């Protein structure tokens, strides 16, 4: 049962975080700025990217066997997502043709905090 729990709730977190790391390791990422007929800003991409990470973390924490982790799921999800965003920006400092941006880290934090919206609409 523990392995099934790990796969169901934590594997998506690991895969998504790994994808973020991989994409931030690519020197020049040629992503189209226009998708579905709308222009997507860099800020929007960061916000959506980290809102998803925060949601996946929240989902994993709320399905924990530990009551103390469940009760702190929002705080843990937001904190870990923000820390991952900061370390991702620091990582980009060492990648050729990428930059470490405090503004990107700020947008990562904003996206990470979107999980709180779920709390207000419960």
N, C-alpha and C. Protein backbone atom coordinates (compact mmCIF):
# COMPACT_ATOMS: atom_id res chain seq x y z
N UNK A 1 0.83 -1.20 0.00
CA UNK A 1 0.00 0.00 0.00
C UNK A 1 0.87 1.26 0.00
N UNK A 2 1.98 1.22 0.69
CA UNK A 2 2.86 2.39 0.77
C UNK A 2 3.45 2.74 -0.59
N UNK A 3 3.83 1.73 -1.37
CA UNK A 3 4.40 1.97 -2.70
C UNK A 3 3.33 2.58 -3.61
N UNK A 4 2.11 2.08 -3.52
CA UNK A 4 1.01 2.62 -4.32
C UNK A 4 0.77 4.09 -3.97
N UNK A 5 0.81 4.40 -2.68
CA UNK A 5 0.64 5.78 -2.21
C UNK A 5 1.75 6.65 -2.77
N UNK A 6 2.96 6.16 -2.71
CA UNK A 6 4.12 6.91 -3.22
C UNK A 6 3.95 7.19 -4.71
N UNK A 7 3.56 6.19 -5.47
CA UNK A 7 3.39 6.37 -6.91
C UNK A 7 2.24 7.31 -7.24
N UNK A 8 1.13 7.14 -6.55
CA UNK A 8 -0.06 7.92 -6.84
C UNK A 8 0.10 9.40 -6.51
N UNK A 9 0.70 9.70 -5.37
CA UNK A 9 0.76 11.08 -4.91
C UNK A 9 2.12 11.75 -5.08
N UNK A 10 3.18 11.01 -4.97
CA UNK A 10 4.50 11.65 -5.04
C UNK A 10 5.17 11.54 -6.40
N UNK A 11 4.88 10.52 -7.18
CA UNK A 11 5.50 10.40 -8.50
C UNK A 11 5.19 11.62 -9.38
N UNK A 12 3.95 12.12 -9.41
CA UNK A 12 3.71 13.33 -10.21
C UNK A 12 4.55 14.53 -9.75
N UNK A 13 4.77 14.65 -8.45
CA UNK A 13 5.61 15.73 -7.93
C UNK A 13 7.03 15.58 -8.44
N UNK A 14 7.58 14.37 -8.33
CA UNK A 14 8.96 14.13 -8.77
C UNK A 14 9.11 14.35 -10.27
N UNK A 15 8.16 13.85 -11.05
CA UNK A 15 8.24 14.01 -12.51
C UNK A 15 8.11 15.48 -12.92
N UNK A 16 7.21 16.19 -12.28
CA UNK A 16 7.01 17.60 -12.63
C UNK A 16 8.23 18.44 -12.23
N UNK A 17 8.75 18.21 -11.02
CA UNK A 17 9.94 18.94 -10.58
C UNK A 17 11.13 18.60 -11.47
N UNK A 18 11.24 17.36 -11.87
CA UNK A 18 12.31 16.95 -12.78
C UNK A 18 12.19 17.62 -14.14
N UNK A 19 10.96 17.77 -14.61
CA UNK A 19 10.73 18.46 -15.89
C UNK A 19 11.13 19.93 -15.79
N UNK A 20 10.78 20.58 -14.69
CA UNK A 20 11.18 21.97 -14.47
C UNK A 20 12.71 22.07 -14.50
N UNK A 21 13.37 21.17 -13.78
CA UNK A 21 14.84 21.19 -13.72
C UNK A 21 15.43 20.97 -15.11
N UNK A 22 14.90 20.00 -15.84
CA UNK A 22 15.42 19.72 -17.18
C UNK A 22 15.26 20.94 -18.09
N UNK A 23 14.06 21.52 -18.10
CA UNK A 23 13.81 22.66 -18.98
C UNK A 23 14.67 23.87 -18.61
N UNK A 24 14.96 24.03 -17.33
CA UNK A 24 15.81 25.16 -16.94
C UNK A 24 17.29 24.86 -17.17
N UNK A 25 17.61 23.62 -17.53
CA UNK A 25 18.99 23.24 -17.86
C UNK A 25 19.31 23.44 -19.33
N UNK A 26 18.28 23.63 -20.14
CA UNK A 26 18.47 23.82 -21.57
C UNK A 26 18.97 25.24 -21.80
N UNK A 27 20.09 25.37 -22.52
CA UNK A 27 20.68 26.69 -22.73
C UNK A 27 19.71 27.68 -23.36
N UNK A 28 19.18 27.34 -24.49
CA UNK A 28 18.24 28.23 -25.16
C UNK A 28 16.96 27.45 -25.41
N UNK A 29 15.92 27.89 -24.80
CA UNK A 29 14.64 27.22 -24.93
C UNK A 29 13.81 28.00 -25.95
N UNK A 30 13.52 27.39 -27.07
CA UNK A 30 12.76 28.05 -28.12
C UNK A 30 11.29 27.68 -28.01
N UNK A 31 10.64 28.28 -27.05
CA UNK A 31 9.20 28.04 -26.88
C UNK A 31 8.45 29.15 -27.60
N UNK A 32 7.40 28.79 -28.30
CA UNK A 32 6.64 29.84 -28.98
C UNK A 32 5.98 30.77 -27.97
N UNK A 33 6.06 32.05 -28.25
CA UNK A 33 5.45 33.04 -27.34
C UNK A 33 3.94 33.08 -27.50
N UNK A 34 3.46 32.56 -28.62
CA UNK A 34 2.03 32.58 -28.84
C UNK A 34 1.50 31.15 -28.90
N UNK A 35 0.58 30.85 -28.01
CA UNK A 35 -0.03 29.53 -27.98
C UNK A 35 -1.54 29.71 -27.95
N UNK A 36 -2.23 28.94 -28.76
CA UNK A 36 -3.68 29.01 -28.85
C UNK A 36 -4.16 30.42 -29.21
N UNK A 37 -3.36 31.13 -29.99
CA UNK A 37 -3.75 32.46 -30.45
C UNK A 37 -3.57 33.57 -29.44
N UNK A 38 -3.00 33.27 -28.28
CA UNK A 38 -2.76 34.32 -27.28
C UNK A 38 -1.29 34.37 -26.92
N UNK A 39 -0.82 35.55 -26.62
CA UNK A 39 0.56 35.72 -26.22
C UNK A 39 0.68 35.42 -24.74
N UNK A 40 1.64 34.58 -24.40
CA UNK A 40 1.83 34.19 -23.00
C UNK A 40 3.13 34.82 -22.51
N UNK A 41 3.04 35.67 -21.51
CA UNK A 41 4.23 36.35 -21.00
C UNK A 41 5.08 35.39 -20.16
N UNK A 42 6.33 35.77 -19.99
CA UNK A 42 7.24 34.98 -19.16
C UNK A 42 6.72 34.90 -17.72
N UNK A 43 6.17 36.01 -17.23
CA UNK A 43 5.63 36.03 -15.87
C UNK A 43 4.49 35.03 -15.73
N UNK A 44 3.61 35.00 -16.72
CA UNK A 44 2.48 34.08 -16.69
C UNK A 44 2.96 32.63 -16.68
N UNK A 45 3.97 32.35 -17.49
CA UNK A 45 4.52 30.99 -17.54
C UNK A 45 5.04 30.58 -16.17
N UNK A 46 5.78 31.47 -15.51
CA UNK A 46 6.32 31.15 -14.18
C UNK A 46 5.20 30.95 -13.16
N UNK A 47 4.20 31.81 -13.20
CA UNK A 47 3.09 31.71 -12.25
C UNK A 47 2.35 30.38 -12.42
N UNK A 48 2.02 30.04 -13.65
CA UNK A 48 1.29 28.79 -13.90
C UNK A 48 2.14 27.58 -13.55
N UNK A 49 3.41 27.62 -13.93
CA UNK A 49 4.33 26.51 -13.67
C UNK A 49 4.41 26.19 -12.17
N UNK A 50 4.53 27.23 -11.34
CA UNK A 50 4.68 26.99 -9.91
C UNK A 50 3.35 26.83 -9.19
N UNK A 51 2.26 27.30 -9.76
CA UNK A 51 0.94 27.01 -9.20
C UNK A 51 0.68 25.50 -9.32
N UNK A 52 1.07 24.93 -10.45
CA UNK A 52 0.90 23.49 -10.66
C UNK A 52 1.77 22.71 -9.68
N UNK A 53 3.03 23.12 -9.52
CA UNK A 53 3.92 22.43 -8.58
C UNK A 53 3.36 22.50 -7.16
N UNK A 54 2.89 23.66 -6.76
CA UNK A 54 2.33 23.82 -5.42
C UNK A 54 1.09 22.94 -5.23
N UNK A 55 0.24 22.87 -6.25
CA UNK A 55 -0.94 22.00 -6.18
C UNK A 55 -0.54 20.54 -6.03
N UNK A 56 0.44 20.09 -6.82
CA UNK A 56 0.88 18.69 -6.73
C UNK A 56 1.46 18.39 -5.34
N UNK A 57 2.23 19.32 -4.79
CA UNK A 57 2.77 19.14 -3.44
C UNK A 57 1.65 19.10 -2.41
N UNK A 58 0.70 20.02 -2.53
CA UNK A 58 -0.44 20.06 -1.62
C UNK A 58 -1.21 18.74 -1.65
N UNK A 59 -1.45 18.24 -2.85
CA UNK A 59 -2.16 16.97 -3.03
C UNK A 59 -1.41 15.83 -2.35
N UNK A 60 -0.10 15.81 -2.48
CA UNK A 60 0.70 14.75 -1.85
C UNK A 60 0.67 14.88 -0.33
N UNK A 61 0.82 16.10 0.17
CA UNK A 61 0.83 16.30 1.62
C UNK A 61 -0.53 16.00 2.26
N UNK A 62 -1.63 16.38 1.60
CA UNK A 62 -2.95 16.13 2.19
C UNK A 62 -3.30 14.65 2.20
N UNK A 63 -2.60 13.86 1.43
CA UNK A 63 -2.83 12.41 1.42
C UNK A 63 -1.77 11.66 2.21
N UNK A 64 -1.09 12.38 3.08
CA UNK A 64 -0.08 11.78 3.95
C UNK A 64 -0.76 10.99 5.06
N UNK A 65 -0.03 10.06 5.62
CA UNK A 65 -0.53 9.31 6.77
C UNK A 65 -0.37 10.08 8.07
N UNK A 66 0.41 11.13 8.05
CA UNK A 66 0.70 11.92 9.24
C UNK A 66 -0.28 13.09 9.38
N UNK A 67 -0.96 13.16 10.50
CA UNK A 67 -1.91 14.24 10.74
C UNK A 67 -1.20 15.58 10.80
N UNK A 68 -0.01 15.63 11.39
CA UNK A 68 0.71 16.91 11.49
C UNK A 68 1.11 17.44 10.11
N UNK A 69 1.40 16.55 9.18
CA UNK A 69 1.72 16.98 7.82
C UNK A 69 0.45 17.43 7.11
N UNK A 70 -0.64 16.70 7.29
CA UNK A 70 -1.91 17.08 6.66
C UNK A 70 -2.35 18.47 7.09
N UNK A 71 -2.20 18.78 8.37
CA UNK A 71 -2.67 20.07 8.87
C UNK A 71 -1.79 21.23 8.40
N UNK A 72 -0.58 20.92 7.99
CA UNK A 72 0.34 21.96 7.50
C UNK A 72 0.52 21.89 5.98
N UNK A 73 -0.38 21.23 5.30
CA UNK A 73 -0.23 20.98 3.86
C UNK A 73 -0.06 22.26 3.05
N UNK A 74 -0.87 23.29 3.35
CA UNK A 74 -0.75 24.55 2.61
C UNK A 74 0.63 25.17 2.81
N UNK A 75 1.03 25.27 4.06
CA UNK A 75 2.33 25.88 4.37
C UNK A 75 3.48 25.10 3.75
N UNK A 76 3.43 23.79 3.86
CA UNK A 76 4.50 22.96 3.30
C UNK A 76 4.55 23.06 1.78
N UNK A 77 3.39 23.02 1.13
CA UNK A 77 3.34 23.09 -0.33
C UNK A 77 3.88 24.42 -0.84
N UNK A 78 3.44 25.50 -0.22
CA UNK A 78 3.88 26.83 -0.66
C UNK A 78 5.37 27.01 -0.39
N UNK A 79 5.81 26.64 0.81
CA UNK A 79 7.22 26.82 1.17
C UNK A 79 8.14 26.01 0.26
N UNK A 80 7.83 24.74 0.06
CA UNK A 80 8.70 23.92 -0.79
C UNK A 80 8.68 24.38 -2.24
N UNK A 81 7.53 24.80 -2.72
CA UNK A 81 7.43 25.28 -4.09
C UNK A 81 8.24 26.57 -4.27
N UNK A 82 8.15 27.48 -3.32
CA UNK A 82 8.94 28.72 -3.39
C UNK A 82 10.44 28.41 -3.32
N UNK A 83 10.83 27.54 -2.41
CA UNK A 83 12.25 27.17 -2.29
C UNK A 83 12.75 26.51 -3.57
N UNK A 84 11.92 25.68 -4.18
CA UNK A 84 12.31 25.04 -5.44
C UNK A 84 12.48 26.10 -6.53
N UNK A 85 11.60 27.09 -6.56
CA UNK A 85 11.72 28.18 -7.53
C UNK A 85 13.00 28.97 -7.35
N UNK A 86 13.35 29.25 -6.10
CA UNK A 86 14.59 29.98 -5.82
C UNK A 86 15.80 29.17 -6.25
N UNK A 87 15.82 27.89 -5.88
CA UNK A 87 16.98 27.06 -6.27
C UNK A 87 17.04 26.86 -7.78
N UNK A 88 15.89 26.84 -8.43
CA UNK A 88 15.87 26.73 -9.89
C UNK A 88 16.49 27.97 -10.53
N UNK A 89 16.17 29.14 -10.00
CA UNK A 89 16.77 30.37 -10.52
C UNK A 89 18.27 30.39 -10.26
N UNK A 90 18.70 29.95 -9.09
CA UNK A 90 20.14 29.89 -8.80
C UNK A 90 20.83 28.90 -9.74
N UNK A 91 20.18 27.79 -10.02
CA UNK A 91 20.71 26.79 -10.94
C UNK A 91 20.93 27.39 -12.33
N UNK A 92 20.01 28.25 -12.76
CA UNK A 92 20.11 28.85 -14.09
C UNK A 92 21.31 29.79 -14.22
N UNK A 93 21.81 30.27 -13.10
CA UNK A 93 23.00 31.11 -13.11
C UNK A 93 24.18 30.37 -13.74
N UNK A 94 24.22 29.06 -13.58
CA UNK A 94 25.32 28.24 -14.07
C UNK A 94 25.07 27.64 -15.46
N UNK A 95 23.91 27.91 -16.03
CA UNK A 95 23.57 27.37 -17.35
C UNK A 95 23.89 28.43 -18.40
N UNK A 96 24.70 28.07 -19.40
CA UNK A 96 25.03 29.04 -20.45
C UNK A 96 23.77 29.60 -21.12
N UNK A 97 23.78 30.89 -21.36
CA UNK A 97 22.70 31.62 -22.02
C UNK A 97 21.41 31.70 -21.20
N UNK A 98 21.48 31.36 -19.92
CA UNK A 98 20.34 31.53 -19.02
C UNK A 98 20.75 32.53 -17.96
N UNK A 99 19.78 33.14 -17.31
CA UNK A 99 20.07 34.11 -16.27
C UNK A 99 19.31 33.76 -14.99
N UNK A 100 19.90 34.14 -13.89
CA UNK A 100 19.27 34.01 -12.58
C UNK A 100 18.49 35.30 -12.35
N UNK A 101 17.19 35.21 -12.26
CA UNK A 101 16.35 36.41 -12.17
C UNK A 101 15.53 36.42 -10.88
N UNK A 102 15.73 37.46 -10.10
CA UNK A 102 14.94 37.63 -8.89
C UNK A 102 13.47 37.85 -9.22
N UNK A 103 13.21 38.51 -10.35
CA UNK A 103 11.83 38.75 -10.76
C UNK A 103 11.13 37.43 -11.12
N UNK A 104 11.85 36.54 -11.79
CA UNK A 104 11.28 35.22 -12.08
C UNK A 104 10.99 34.47 -10.79
N UNK A 105 11.89 34.57 -9.81
CA UNK A 105 11.67 33.91 -8.52
C UNK A 105 10.44 34.49 -7.82
N UNK A 106 10.23 35.80 -7.96
CA UNK A 106 9.04 36.44 -7.40
C UNK A 106 7.77 35.87 -8.04
N UNK A 107 7.77 35.74 -9.37
CA UNK A 107 6.61 35.17 -10.05
C UNK A 107 6.40 33.70 -9.68
N UNK A 108 7.50 32.98 -9.45
CA UNK A 108 7.39 31.60 -8.98
C UNK A 108 6.68 31.57 -7.63
N UNK A 109 7.04 32.50 -6.76
CA UNK A 109 6.42 32.59 -5.44
C UNK A 109 4.94 32.95 -5.51
N UNK A 110 4.61 33.85 -6.42
CA UNK A 110 3.20 34.22 -6.61
C UNK A 110 2.40 33.00 -7.07
N UNK A 111 2.94 32.28 -8.03
CA UNK A 111 2.27 31.06 -8.51
C UNK A 111 2.15 30.03 -7.42
N UNK A 112 3.20 29.88 -6.62
CA UNK A 112 3.18 28.92 -5.51
C UNK A 112 2.08 29.24 -4.51
N UNK A 113 1.80 30.51 -4.33
CA UNK A 113 0.80 30.94 -3.36
C UNK A 113 -0.63 30.79 -3.86
N UNK A 114 -0.82 30.53 -5.14
CA UNK A 114 -2.16 30.39 -5.69
C UNK A 114 -2.93 29.23 -5.05
N UNK A 115 -2.24 28.29 -4.44
CA UNK A 115 -2.92 27.17 -3.79
C UNK A 115 -3.84 27.67 -2.66
N UNK A 116 -3.53 28.86 -2.13
CA UNK A 116 -4.37 29.43 -1.08
C UNK A 116 -5.77 29.74 -1.59
N UNK A 117 -5.91 30.00 -2.89
CA UNK A 117 -7.23 30.25 -3.46
C UNK A 117 -8.15 29.05 -3.20
N UNK A 118 -7.58 27.87 -3.27
CA UNK A 118 -8.34 26.64 -3.00
C UNK A 118 -8.94 26.67 -1.59
N UNK A 119 -8.19 27.20 -0.65
CA UNK A 119 -8.66 27.28 0.74
C UNK A 119 -9.86 28.22 0.86
N UNK A 120 -9.84 29.32 0.14
CA UNK A 120 -10.91 30.30 0.25
C UNK A 120 -12.21 29.85 -0.40
N UNK A 121 -12.14 28.90 -1.33
CA UNK A 121 -13.33 28.44 -2.01
C UNK A 121 -13.79 27.07 -1.53
N UNK A 122 -13.33 26.65 -0.37
CA UNK A 122 -13.78 25.38 0.21
C UNK A 122 -15.12 25.52 0.84
